């Protein structure tokens, strides 16, 4: 079987620029995910707790076995719209 050789040059300026741009975008997505996981901010989290309720992610954690794999889908649903990020979950 023939070996495919890459034409990619990781030392090129274009590669470095693209890598930097992608890492910046990944950082922004990670920041937005952290905001979504924060549950709308401390004010809303505290209001929920004052009512004696658990947050959605806390309830899910209680349902899962310890160290069980879990993949949360649509963490950033509604990102870029006027709706609550995470679809209010």
PDB file of N, CA and C in Angstrom:
ATOM      1  N   UNK A   1       0.850  -1.166   0.000  1.00  0.00           N
ATOM      2  CA  UNK A   1       0.000   0.000   0.000  1.00  0.00           C
ATOM      3  C   UNK A   1       0.901   1.235   0.000  1.00  0.00           C
ATOM      4  N   UNK A   2       0.616   2.204  -0.843  1.00  0.00           N
ATOM      5  CA  UNK A   2       1.456   3.401  -0.894  1.00  0.00           C
ATOM      6  C   UNK A   2       1.243   4.287   0.341  1.00  0.00           C
ATOM      7  N   UNK A   3       2.281   4.953   0.745  1.00  0.00           N
ATOM      8  CA  UNK A   3       2.242   5.863   1.886  1.00  0.00           C
ATOM      9  C   UNK A   3       1.899   7.257   1.367  1.00  0.00           C
ATOM     10  N   UNK A   4       0.917   7.868   1.978  1.00  0.00           N
ATOM     11  CA  UNK A   4       0.557   9.234   1.602  1.00  0.00           C
ATOM     12  C   UNK A   4       1.457  10.209   2.347  1.00  0.00           C
ATOM     13  N   UNK A   5       2.052  11.081   1.626  1.00  0.00           N
ATOM     14  CA  UNK A   5       2.951  12.076   2.222  1.00  0.00           C
ATOM     15  C   UNK A   5       2.215  13.415   2.340  1.00  0.00           C
ATOM     16  N   UNK A   6       2.360  14.051   3.466  1.00  0.00           N
ATOM     17  CA  UNK A   6       1.700  15.329   3.707  1.00  0.00           C
ATOM     18  C   UNK A   6       2.485  16.462   3.055  1.00  0.00           C
ATOM     19  N   UNK A   7       1.764  17.422   2.524  1.00  0.00           N
ATOM     20  CA  UNK A   7       2.360  18.634   1.962  1.00  0.00           C
ATOM     21  C   UNK A   7       2.329  19.775   2.982  1.00  0.00           C
ATOM     22  N   UNK A   8       1.836  19.471   4.167  1.00  0.00           N
ATOM     23  CA  UNK A   8       1.692  20.471   5.210  1.00  0.00           C
ATOM     24  C   UNK A   8       3.052  20.864   5.767  1.00  0.00           C
ATOM     25  N   UNK A   9       3.260  22.157   5.890  1.00  0.00           N
ATOM     26  CA  UNK A   9       4.515  22.659   6.452  1.00  0.00           C
ATOM     27  C   UNK A   9       4.196  23.397   7.756  1.00  0.00           C
ATOM     28  N   UNK A  10       4.361  22.734   8.904  1.00  0.00           N
ATOM     29  CA  UNK A  10       4.009  23.369  10.180  1.00  0.00           C
ATOM     30  C   UNK A  10       4.902  24.549  10.551  1.00  0.00           C
ATOM     31  N   UNK A  11       5.958  24.766   9.813  1.00  0.00           N
ATOM     32  CA  UNK A  11       6.822  25.912  10.110  1.00  0.00           C
ATOM     33  C   UNK A  11       6.475  27.113   9.228  1.00  0.00           C
ATOM     34  N   UNK A  12       5.484  26.968   8.343  1.00  0.00           N
ATOM     35  CA  UNK A  12       5.124  28.079   7.452  1.00  0.00           C
ATOM     36  C   UNK A  12       4.338  29.141   8.216  1.00  0.00           C
ATOM     37  N   UNK A  13       4.380  30.342   7.698  1.00  0.00           N
ATOM     38  CA  UNK A  13       3.672  31.456   8.323  1.00  0.00           C
ATOM     39  C   UNK A  13       2.159  31.254   8.234  1.00  0.00           C
ATOM     40  N   UNK A  14       1.669  30.722   7.126  1.00  0.00           N
ATOM     41  CA  UNK A  14       0.237  30.472   6.962  1.00  0.00           C
ATOM     42  C   UNK A  14      -0.239  29.461   7.997  1.00  0.00           C
ATOM     43  N   UNK A  15       0.536  28.396   8.201  1.00  0.00           N
ATOM     44  CA  UNK A  15       0.177  27.388   9.199  1.00  0.00           C
ATOM     45  C   UNK A  15       0.105  28.024  10.580  1.00  0.00           C
ATOM     46  N   UNK A  16       1.105  28.802  10.940  1.00  0.00           N
ATOM     47  CA  UNK A  16       1.131  29.431  12.270  1.00  0.00           C
ATOM     48  C   UNK A  16      -0.034  30.394  12.450  1.00  0.00           C
ATOM     49  N   UNK A  17      -0.346  31.177  11.402  1.00  0.00           N
ATOM     50  CA  UNK A  17      -1.476  32.111  11.490  1.00  0.00           C
ATOM     51  C   UNK A  17      -2.793  31.360  11.660  1.00  0.00           C
ATOM     52  N   UNK A  18      -2.969  30.309  10.889  1.00  0.00           N
ATOM     53  CA  UNK A  18      -4.201  29.515  11.000  1.00  0.00           C
ATOM     54  C   UNK A  18      -4.310  28.857  12.364  1.00  0.00           C
ATOM     55  N   UNK A  19      -3.205  28.357  12.883  1.00  0.00           N
ATOM     56  CA  UNK A  19      -3.202  27.717  14.203  1.00  0.00           C
ATOM     57  C   UNK A  19      -3.584  28.718  15.283  1.00  0.00           C
ATOM     58  N   UNK A  20      -3.000  29.912  15.209  1.00  0.00           N
ATOM     59  CA  UNK A  20      -3.305  30.949  16.190  1.00  0.00           C
ATOM     60  C   UNK A  20      -4.776  31.337  16.133  1.00  0.00           C
ATOM     61  N   UNK A  21      -5.315  31.499  14.921  1.00  0.00           N
ATOM     62  CA  UNK A  21      -6.731  31.858  14.763  1.00  0.00           C
ATOM     63  C   UNK A  21      -7.632  30.760  15.313  1.00  0.00           C
ATOM     64  N   UNK A  22      -7.304  29.515  15.039  1.00  0.00           N
ATOM     65  CA  UNK A  22      -8.117  28.404  15.529  1.00  0.00           C
ATOM     66  C   UNK A  22      -8.071  28.304  17.049  1.00  0.00           C
ATOM     67  N   UNK A  23      -6.897  28.471  17.635  1.00  0.00           N
ATOM     68  CA  UNK A  23      -6.795  28.421  19.095  1.00  0.00           C
ATOM     69  C   UNK A  23      -7.585  29.548  19.750  1.00  0.00           C
ATOM     70  N   UNK A  24      -7.625  30.708  19.092  1.00  0.00           N
ATOM     71  CA  UNK A  24      -8.427  31.826  19.599  1.00  0.00           C
ATOM     72  C   UNK A  24      -9.911  31.464  19.584  1.00  0.00           C
ATOM     73  N   UNK A  25     -10.358  30.862  18.481  1.00  0.00           N
ATOM     74  CA  UNK A  25     -11.760  30.447  18.380  1.00  0.00           C
ATOM     75  C   UNK A  25     -12.099  29.368  19.408  1.00  0.00           C
ATOM     76  N   UNK A  26     -11.207  28.418  19.605  1.00  0.00           N
ATOM     77  CA  UNK A  26     -11.430  27.364  20.601  1.00  0.00           C
ATOM     78  C   UNK A  26     -11.537  27.972  21.995  1.00  0.00           C
ATOM     79  N   UNK A  27     -10.699  28.948  22.285  1.00  0.00           N
ATOM     80  CA  UNK A  27     -10.756  29.634  23.579  1.00  0.00           C
ATOM     81  C   UNK A  27     -12.087  30.324  23.793  1.00  0.00           C
ATOM     82  N   UNK A  28     -12.627  30.949  22.732  1.00  0.00           N
ATOM     83  CA  UNK A  28     -13.921  31.617  22.840  1.00  0.00           C
ATOM     84  C   UNK A  28     -15.034  30.608  23.093  1.00  0.00           C
ATOM     85  N   UNK A  29     -15.012  29.480  22.401  1.00  0.00           N
ATOM     86  CA  UNK A  29     -16.022  28.445  22.616  1.00  0.00           C
ATOM     87  C   UNK A  29     -15.935  27.925  24.050  1.00  0.00           C
ATOM     88  N   UNK A  30     -14.730  27.723  24.550  1.00  0.00           N
ATOM     89  CA  UNK A  30     -14.565  27.245  25.928  1.00  0.00           C
ATOM     90  C   UNK A  30     -15.108  28.262  26.931  1.00  0.00           C
ATOM     91  N   UNK A  31     -14.891  29.558  26.670  1.00  0.00           N
ATOM     92  CA  UNK A  31     -15.427  30.594  27.566  1.00  0.00           C
ATOM     93  C   UNK A  31     -16.956  30.590  27.540  1.00  0.00           C
ATOM     94  N   UNK A  32     -17.523  30.452  26.353  1.00  0.00           N
ATOM     95  CA  UNK A  32     -18.978  30.430  26.236  1.00  0.00           C
ATOM     96  C   UNK A  32     -19.570  29.189  26.904  1.00  0.00           C
ATOM     97  N   UNK A  33     -18.894  28.057  26.779  1.00  0.00           N
ATOM     98  CA  UNK A  33     -19.365  26.845  27.456  1.00  0.00           C
ATOM     99  C   UNK A  33     -19.323  27.023  28.965  1.00  0.00           C
ATOM    100  N   UNK A  34     -18.277  27.666  29.460  1.00  0.00           N
ATOM    101  CA  UNK A  34     -18.182  27.907  30.902  1.00  0.00           C
ATOM    102  C   UNK A  34     -19.338  28.787  31.372  1.00  0.00           C
ATOM    103  N   UNK A  35     -19.716  29.778  30.572  1.00  0.00           N
ATOM    104  CA  UNK A  35     -20.851  30.633  30.935  1.00  0.00           C
ATOM    105  C   UNK A  35     -22.155  29.836  30.945  1.00  0.00           C
ATOM    106  N   UNK A  36     -22.322  28.951  29.975  1.00  0.00           N
ATOM    107  CA  UNK A  36     -23.532  28.135  29.917  1.00  0.00           C
ATOM    108  C   UNK A  36     -23.607  27.197  31.111  1.00  0.00           C
ATOM    109  N   UNK A  37     -22.488  26.604  31.471  1.00  0.00           N
ATOM    110  CA  UNK A  37     -22.449  25.678  32.608  1.00  0.00           C
ATOM    111  C   UNK A  37     -22.669  26.427  33.917  1.00  0.00           C
ATOM    112  N   UNK A  38     -22.333  27.721  33.945  1.00  0.00           N
ATOM    113  CA  UNK A  38     -22.509  28.521  35.158  1.00  0.00           C
ATOM    114  C   UNK A  38     -23.978  28.721  35.508  1.00  0.00           C
ATOM    115  N   UNK A  39     -24.877  28.360  34.618  1.00  0.00           N
ATOM    116  CA  UNK A  39     -26.303  28.399  34.945  1.00  0.00           C
ATOM    117  C   UNK A  39     -26.926  29.773  34.928  1.00  0.00           C
ATOM    118  N   UNK A  40     -26.417  30.669  34.117  1.00  0.00           N
ATOM    119  CA  UNK A  40     -27.016  31.996  33.999  1.00  0.00           C
ATOM    120  C   UNK A  40     -26.451  33.015  34.957  1.00  0.00           C
ATOM    121  N   UNK A  41     -25.511  32.625  35.776  1.00  0.00           N
ATOM    122  CA  UNK A  41     -24.903  33.564  36.712  1.00  0.00           C
ATOM    123  C   UNK A  41     -25.269  33.261  38.147  1.00  0.00           C
ATOM    124  N   UNK A  42     -24.499  33.806  39.039  1.00  0.00           N
ATOM    125  CA  UNK A  42     -24.659  33.527  40.471  1.00  0.00           C
ATOM    126  C   UNK A  42     -26.032  33.929  40.998  1.00  0.00           C
ATOM    127  N   UNK A  43     -26.576  35.026  40.481  1.00  0.00           N
ATOM    128  CA  UNK A  43     -27.899  35.490  40.933  1.00  0.00           C
ATOM    129  C   UNK A  43     -28.961  34.412  40.695  1.00  0.00           C
ATOM    130  N   UNK A  44     -28.969  33.825  39.507  1.00  0.00           N
ATOM    131  CA  UNK A  44     -29.981  32.828  39.168  1.00  0.00           C
ATOM    132  C   UNK A  44     -29.706  31.487  39.832  1.00  0.00           C
ATOM    133  N   UNK A  45     -28.442  31.146  39.985  1.00  0.00           N
ATOM    134  CA  UNK A  45     -28.091  29.911  40.686  1.00  0.00           C
ATOM    135  C   UNK A  45     -28.540  30.000  42.137  1.00  0.00           C
ATOM    136  N   UNK A  46     -28.274  31.135  42.775  1.00  0.00           N
ATOM    137  CA  UNK A  46     -28.659  31.313  44.178  1.00  0.00           C
ATOM    138  C   UNK A  46     -30.175  31.300  44.343  1.00  0.00           C
ATOM    139  N   UNK A  47     -30.883  31.922  43.414  1.00  0.00           N
ATOM    140  CA  UNK A  47     -32.349  31.929  43.482  1.00  0.00           C
ATOM    141  C   UNK A  47     -32.890  30.497  43.389  1.00  0.00           C
ATOM    142  N   UNK A  48     -32.290  29.702  42.518  1.00  0.00           N
ATOM    143  CA  UNK A  48     -32.690  28.302  42.363  1.00  0.00           C
ATOM    144  C   UNK A  48     -32.437  27.532  43.656  1.00  0.00           C
ATOM    145  N   UNK A  49     -31.265  27.748  44.239  1.00  0.00           N
ATOM    146  CA  UNK A  49     -30.905  27.047  45.477  1.00  0.00           C
ATOM    147  C   UNK A  49     -31.762  27.496  46.650  1.00  0.00           C
ATOM    148  N   UNK A  50     -32.111  28.784  46.692  1.00  0.00           N
ATOM    149  CA  UNK A  50     -32.980  29.290  47.758  1.00  0.00           C
ATOM    150  C   UNK A  50     -34.350  28.618  47.729  1.00  0.00           C
ATOM    151  N   UNK A  51     -34.754  28.157  46.561  1.00  0.00           N
ATOM    152  CA  UNK A  51     -36.022  27.445  46.414  1.00  0.00           C
ATOM    153  C   UNK A  51     -35.876  25.961  46.739  1.00  0.00           C
ATOM    154  N   UNK A  52     -34.665  25.546  47.117  1.00  0.00           N
ATOM    155  CA  UNK A  52     -34.427  24.155  47.472  1.00  0.00           C
ATOM    156  C   UNK A  52     -34.288  23.230  46.279  1.00  0.00           C
ATOM    157  N   UNK A  53     -33.914  23.796  45.140  1.00  0.00           N
ATOM    158  CA  UNK A  53     -33.802  23.000  43.922  1.00  0.00           C
ATOM    159  C   UNK A  53     -32.343  22.801  43.526  1.00  0.00           C
ATOM    160  N   UNK A  54     -32.105  21.706  42.800  1.00  0.00           N
ATOM    161  CA  UNK A  54     -30.796  21.443  42.220  1.00  0.00           C
ATOM    162  C   UNK A  54     -30.781  21.957  40.789  1.00  0.00           C
ATOM    163  N   UNK A  55     -29.612  22.331  40.322  1.00  0.00           N
ATOM    164  CA  UNK A  55     -29.472  22.722  38.929  1.00  0.00           C
ATOM    165  C   UNK A  55     -29.568  21.488  38.049  1.00  0.00           C
ATOM    166  N   UNK A  56     -29.889  21.677  36.787  1.00  0.00           N
ATOM    167  CA  UNK A  56     -30.082  20.547  35.867  1.00  0.00           C
ATOM    168  C   UNK A  56     -28.855  19.642  35.824  1.00  0.00           C
ATOM    169  N   UNK A  57     -27.674  20.209  35.727  1.00  0.00           N
ATOM    170  CA  UNK A  57     -26.455  19.391  35.662  1.00  0.00           C
ATOM    171  C   UNK A  57     -26.202  18.651  36.976  1.00  0.00           C
ATOM    172  N   UNK A  58     -26.597  19.239  38.097  1.00  0.00           N
ATOM    173  CA  UNK A  58     -26.462  18.562  39.387  1.00  0.00           C
ATOM    174  C   UNK A  58     -27.395  17.355  39.461  1.00  0.00           C
ATOM    175  N   UNK A  59     -28.607  17.499  38.927  1.00  0.00           N
ATOM    176  CA  UNK A  59     -29.546  16.374  38.918  1.00  0.00           C
ATOM    177  C   UNK A  59     -29.030  15.245  38.039  1.00  0.00           C
ATOM    178  N   UNK A  60     -28.462  15.601  36.904  1.00  0.00           N
ATOM    179  CA  UNK A  60     -27.894  14.582  36.007  1.00  0.00           C
ATOM    180  C   UNK A  60     -26.737  13.861  36.681  1.00  0.00           C
ATOM    181  N   UNK A  61     -25.874  14.598  37.373  1.00  0.00           N
ATOM    182  CA  UNK A  61     -24.750  13.974  38.081  1.00  0.00           C
ATOM    183  C   UNK A  61     -25.239  12.946  39.099  1.00  0.00           C
ATOM    184  N   UNK A  62     -26.352  13.229  39.758  1.00  0.00           N
ATOM    185  CA  UNK A  62     -26.893  12.290  40.738  1.00  0.00           C
ATOM    186  C   UNK A  62     -27.456  11.033  40.084  1.00  0.00           C
ATOM    187  N   UNK A  63     -27.876  11.135  38.830  1.00  0.00           N
ATOM    188  CA  UNK A  63     -28.418   9.981  38.116  1.00  0.00           C
ATOM    189  C   UNK A  63     -27.329   9.054  37.577  1.00  0.00           C
ATOM    190  N   UNK A  64     -26.162   9.611  37.285  1.00  0.00           N
ATOM    191  CA  UNK A  64     -25.085   8.836  36.668  1.00  0.00           C
ATOM    192  C   UNK A  64     -24.265   8.072  37.705  1.00  0.00           C
ATOM    193  N   UNK A  65     -23.742   6.939  37.290  1.00  0.00           N
ATOM    194  CA  UNK A  65     -22.786   6.224  38.128  1.00  0.00           C
ATOM    195  C   UNK A  65     -21.509   7.051  38.217  1.00  0.00           C
ATOM    196  N   UNK A  66     -20.814   6.945  39.351  1.00  0.00           N
ATOM    197  CA  UNK A  66     -19.567   7.671  39.524  1.00  0.00           C
ATOM    198  C   UNK A  66     -18.591   7.286  38.412  1.00  0.00           C
ATOM    199  N   UNK A  67     -17.941   8.264  37.830  1.00  0.00           N
ATOM    200  CA  UNK A  67     -16.957   8.098  36.754  1.00  0.00           C
ATOM    201  C   UNK A  67     -17.559   7.522  35.477  1.00  0.00           C
ATOM    202  N   UNK A  68     -18.879   7.538  35.340  1.00  0.00           N
ATOM    203  CA  UNK A  68     -19.514   7.076  34.107  1.00  0.00           C
ATOM    204  C   UNK A  68     -19.303   8.146  33.037  1.00  0.00           C
ATOM    205  N   UNK A  69     -19.047   7.728  31.813  1.00  0.00           N
ATOM    206  CA  UNK A  69     -18.877   8.722  30.753  1.00  0.00           C
ATOM    207  C   UNK A  69     -20.212   9.414  30.464  1.00  0.00           C
ATOM    208  N   UNK A  70     -20.147  10.692  30.182  1.00  0.00           N
ATOM    209  CA  UNK A  70     -21.347  11.456  29.865  1.00  0.00           C
ATOM    210  C   UNK A  70     -20.983  12.520  28.853  1.00  0.00           C
ATOM    211  N   UNK A  71     -21.741  12.610  27.795  1.00  0.00           N
ATOM    212  CA  UNK A  71     -21.526  13.605  26.756  1.00  0.00           C
ATOM    213  C   UNK A  71     -22.722  14.541  26.727  1.00  0.00           C
ATOM    214  N   UNK A  72     -22.490  15.775  27.083  1.00  0.00           N
ATOM    215  CA  UNK A  72     -23.566  16.771  27.053  1.00  0.00           C
ATOM    216  C   UNK A  72     -23.657  17.337  25.646  1.00  0.00           C
ATOM    217  N   UNK A  73     -24.845  17.272  25.081  1.00  0.00           N
ATOM    218  CA  UNK A  73     -25.071  17.783  23.737  1.00  0.00           C
ATOM    219  C   UNK A  73     -25.715  19.165  23.789  1.00  0.00           C
ATOM    220  N   UNK A  74     -25.418  19.978  22.817  1.00  0.00           N
ATOM    221  CA  UNK A  74     -26.054  21.294  22.628  1.00  0.00           C
ATOM    222  C   UNK A  74     -25.825  22.244  23.789  1.00  0.00           C
ATOM    223  N   UNK A  75     -24.641  22.205  24.352  1.00  0.00           N
ATOM    224  CA  UNK A  75     -24.304  23.117  25.450  1.00  0.00           C
ATOM    225  C   UNK A  75     -24.466  24.567  25.018  1.00  0.00           C
ATOM    226  N   UNK A  76     -24.159  24.838  23.770  1.00  0.00           N
ATOM    227  CA  UNK A  76     -24.236  26.214  23.280  1.00  0.00           C
ATOM    228  C   UNK A  76     -25.441  26.450  22.375  1.00  0.00           C
ATOM    229  N   UNK A  77     -26.518  25.687  22.585  1.00  0.00           N
ATOM    230  CA  UNK A  77     -27.734  25.923  21.814  1.00  0.00           C
ATOM    231  C   UNK A  77     -28.175  27.368  22.016  1.00  0.00           C
ATOM    232  N   UNK A  78     -28.542  28.010  20.948  1.00  0.00           N
ATOM    233  CA  UNK A  78     -29.000  29.408  20.930  1.00  0.00           C
ATOM    234  C   UNK A  78     -27.858  30.418  21.046  1.00  0.00           C
ATOM    235  N   UNK A  79     -26.614  29.983  20.930  1.00  0.00           N
ATOM    236  CA  UNK A  79     -25.483  30.916  20.972  1.00  0.00           C
ATOM    237  C   UNK A  79     -25.601  31.881  19.804  1.00  0.00           C
ATOM    238  N   UNK A  80     -25.486  33.150  20.071  1.00  0.00           N
ATOM    239  CA  UNK A  80     -25.572  34.165  19.027  1.00  0.00           C
ATOM    240  C   UNK A  80     -26.993  34.663  18.780  1.00  0.00           C
ATOM    241  N   UNK A  81     -27.949  34.243  19.594  1.00  0.00           N
ATOM    242  CA  UNK A  81     -29.327  34.725  19.472  1.00  0.00           C
ATOM    243  C   UNK A  81     -29.716  35.430  20.769  1.00  0.00           C
ATOM    244  N   UNK A  82     -30.932  35.953  20.797  1.00  0.00           N
ATOM    245  CA  UNK A  82     -31.389  36.621  22.017  1.00  0.00           C
ATOM    246  C   UNK A  82     -31.893  35.645  23.063  1.00  0.00           C
ATOM    247  N   UNK A  83     -31.948  34.336  22.717  1.00  0.00           N
ATOM    248  CA  UNK A  83     -32.412  33.321  23.655  1.00  0.00           C
ATOM    249  C   UNK A  83     -31.296  32.935  24.617  1.00  0.00           C
ATOM    250  N   UNK A  84     -31.659  32.318  25.730  1.00  0.00           N
ATOM    251  CA  UNK A  84     -30.693  31.890  26.727  1.00  0.00           C
ATOM    252  C   UNK A  84     -29.816  30.788  26.158  1.00  0.00           C
ATOM    253  N   UNK A  85     -28.519  30.930  26.310  1.00  0.00           N
ATOM    254  CA  UNK A  85     -27.583  29.922  25.810  1.00  0.00           C
ATOM    255  C   UNK A  85     -27.796  28.633  26.582  1.00  0.00           C
ATOM    256  N   UNK A  86     -27.744  27.508  25.876  1.00  0.00           N
ATOM    257  CA  UNK A  86     -27.973  26.205  26.505  1.00  0.00           C
ATOM    258  C   UNK A  86     -29.433  25.824  26.528  1.00  0.00           C
ATOM    259  N   UNK A  87     -30.252  26.593  25.822  1.00  0.00           N
ATOM    260  CA  UNK A  87     -31.689  26.304  25.729  1.00  0.00           C
ATOM    261  C   UNK A  87     -32.338  26.257  27.112  1.00  0.00           C
ATOM    262  N   UNK A  88     -31.861  27.076  28.019  1.00  0.00           N
ATOM    263  CA  UNK A  88     -32.416  27.197  29.378  1.00  0.00           C
ATOM    264  C   UNK A  88     -32.271  25.932  30.207  1.00  0.00           C
ATOM    265  N   UNK A  89     -31.308  25.091  29.860  1.00  0.00           N
ATOM    266  CA  UNK A  89     -31.097  23.850  30.618  1.00  0.00           C
ATOM    267  C   UNK A  89     -30.111  24.137  31.714  1.00  0.00           C
TER     268      UNK A  89
END
